[in-house]
């Protein structure tokens, strides 16, 4: 993570600019670091044979919420279609 941040110029470099530009730089650097950390963590978990634990629980939660989100979006789409049909004629 540190190597990527240093190589991309997002870490350990002096940055000048407005407070908004500095905040944006910090947000990008923090987000990049967090994403890299999560990717390495999940890669290590996967390579270790995906043992039961927090990672497996998180993936199950994402699967469940992804399915719920999909169904919610489908219902919303159907409701919009029904409403637009009712207003068109």
Protein backbone atom coordinates (compact mmCIF):
# COMPACT_ATOMS: atom_id res chain seq x y z
CA UNK A 1 0.00 0.00 0.00
CA UNK A 2 2.74 2.43 0.95
CA UNK A 3 4.68 1.65 -2.23
CA UNK A 4 1.65 2.34 -4.42
CA UNK A 5 0.87 5.60 -2.62
CA UNK A 6 4.48 6.74 -2.87
CA UNK A 7 4.78 5.72 -6.54
CA UNK A 8 1.57 7.48 -7.56
CA UNK A 9 2.49 10.66 -5.68
CA UNK A 10 -0.45 10.29 -3.33
CA UNK A 11 1.69 9.71 -0.27
CA UNK A 12 4.82 11.26 1.24
CA UNK A 13 4.89 14.19 -1.14
CA UNK A 14 4.39 17.87 -0.45
CA UNK A 15 1.14 19.15 -1.87
CA UNK A 16 0.31 22.81 -2.33
CA UNK A 17 -3.08 24.25 -3.06
CA UNK A 18 -6.31 25.50 -1.68
CA UNK A 19 -7.90 23.81 1.30
CA UNK A 20 -10.43 22.20 -1.07
CA UNK A 21 -7.64 20.81 -3.27
CA UNK A 22 -5.81 19.48 -0.22
CA UNK A 23 -9.00 17.85 1.08
CA UNK A 24 -9.58 16.24 -2.33
CA UNK A 25 -5.99 14.95 -2.39
CA UNK A 26 -6.39 13.52 1.11
CA UNK A 27 -9.71 11.86 0.20
CA UNK A 28 -8.21 10.26 -2.93
CA UNK A 29 -5.10 9.07 -1.06
CA UNK A 30 -7.17 7.70 1.83
CA UNK A 31 -9.62 5.95 -0.48
CA UNK A 32 -6.81 4.44 -2.53
CA UNK A 33 -5.04 3.20 0.58
CA UNK A 34 -8.23 1.71 2.01
CA UNK A 35 -9.09 -0.03 -1.26
CA UNK A 36 -5.59 -1.48 -1.55
CA UNK A 37 -5.67 -2.67 2.06
CA UNK A 38 -9.03 -4.37 1.53
CA UNK A 39 -7.83 -5.98 -1.71
CA UNK A 40 -4.69 -7.38 -0.07
CA UNK A 41 -6.70 -8.59 2.92
CA UNK A 42 -9.22 -10.42 0.74
CA UNK A 43 -6.46 -11.85 -1.47
CA UNK A 44 -4.69 -13.25 1.59
CA UNK A 45 -8.00 -14.66 2.86
CA UNK A 46 -8.73 -16.25 -0.51
CA UNK A 47 -5.23 -17.75 -0.79
CA UNK A 48 -5.52 -19.22 2.71
CA UNK A 49 -8.50 -21.29 1.62
CA UNK A 50 -11.33 -18.89 2.55
CA UNK A 51 -11.73 -19.98 6.19
CA UNK A 52 -14.90 -19.05 8.08
CA UNK A 53 -14.53 -15.68 9.71
CA UNK A 54 -15.26 -12.00 9.31
CA UNK A 55 -14.41 -12.00 5.60
CA UNK A 56 -16.84 -14.84 4.85
CA UNK A 57 -19.53 -13.11 6.93
CA UNK A 58 -18.99 -9.85 5.04
CA UNK A 59 -19.29 -11.55 1.67
CA UNK A 60 -22.51 -13.26 2.78
CA UNK A 61 -23.89 -9.92 3.97
CA UNK A 62 -23.01 -8.32 0.61
CA UNK A 63 -24.67 -11.19 -1.26
CA UNK A 64 -27.85 -10.79 0.77
CA UNK A 65 -27.95 -7.01 0.53
CA UNK A 66 -27.12 -7.16 -3.17
CA UNK A 67 -30.10 -9.40 -3.75
CA UNK A 68 -32.32 -7.12 -1.68
CA UNK A 69 -31.06 -4.09 -3.58
CA UNK A 70 -31.73 -5.84 -6.89
CA UNK A 71 -35.31 -6.65 -5.87
CA UNK A 72 -35.89 -3.10 -4.60
CA UNK A 73 -34.66 -1.63 -7.88
CA UNK A 74 -36.84 -4.04 -9.87
CA UNK A 75 -39.93 -3.05 -7.84
CA UNK A 76 -39.12 0.64 -8.33
CA UNK A 77 -38.74 0.12 -12.08
CA UNK A 78 -42.08 -1.69 -12.27
CA UNK A 79 -43.80 1.03 -10.24
CA UNK A 80 -42.42 3.76 -12.49
CA UNK A 81 -43.54 1.86 -15.57
CA UNK A 82 -47.03 1.42 -14.10
CA UNK A 83 -47.24 5.11 -13.18
CA UNK A 84 -46.08 6.28 -16.59
CA UNK A 85 -48.63 3.99 -18.29
CA UNK A 86 -51.38 5.47 -16.13
CA UNK A 87 -50.43 9.06 -17.02
CA UNK A 88 -49.99 8.51 -20.75
CA UNK A 89 -53.55 7.86 -21.71
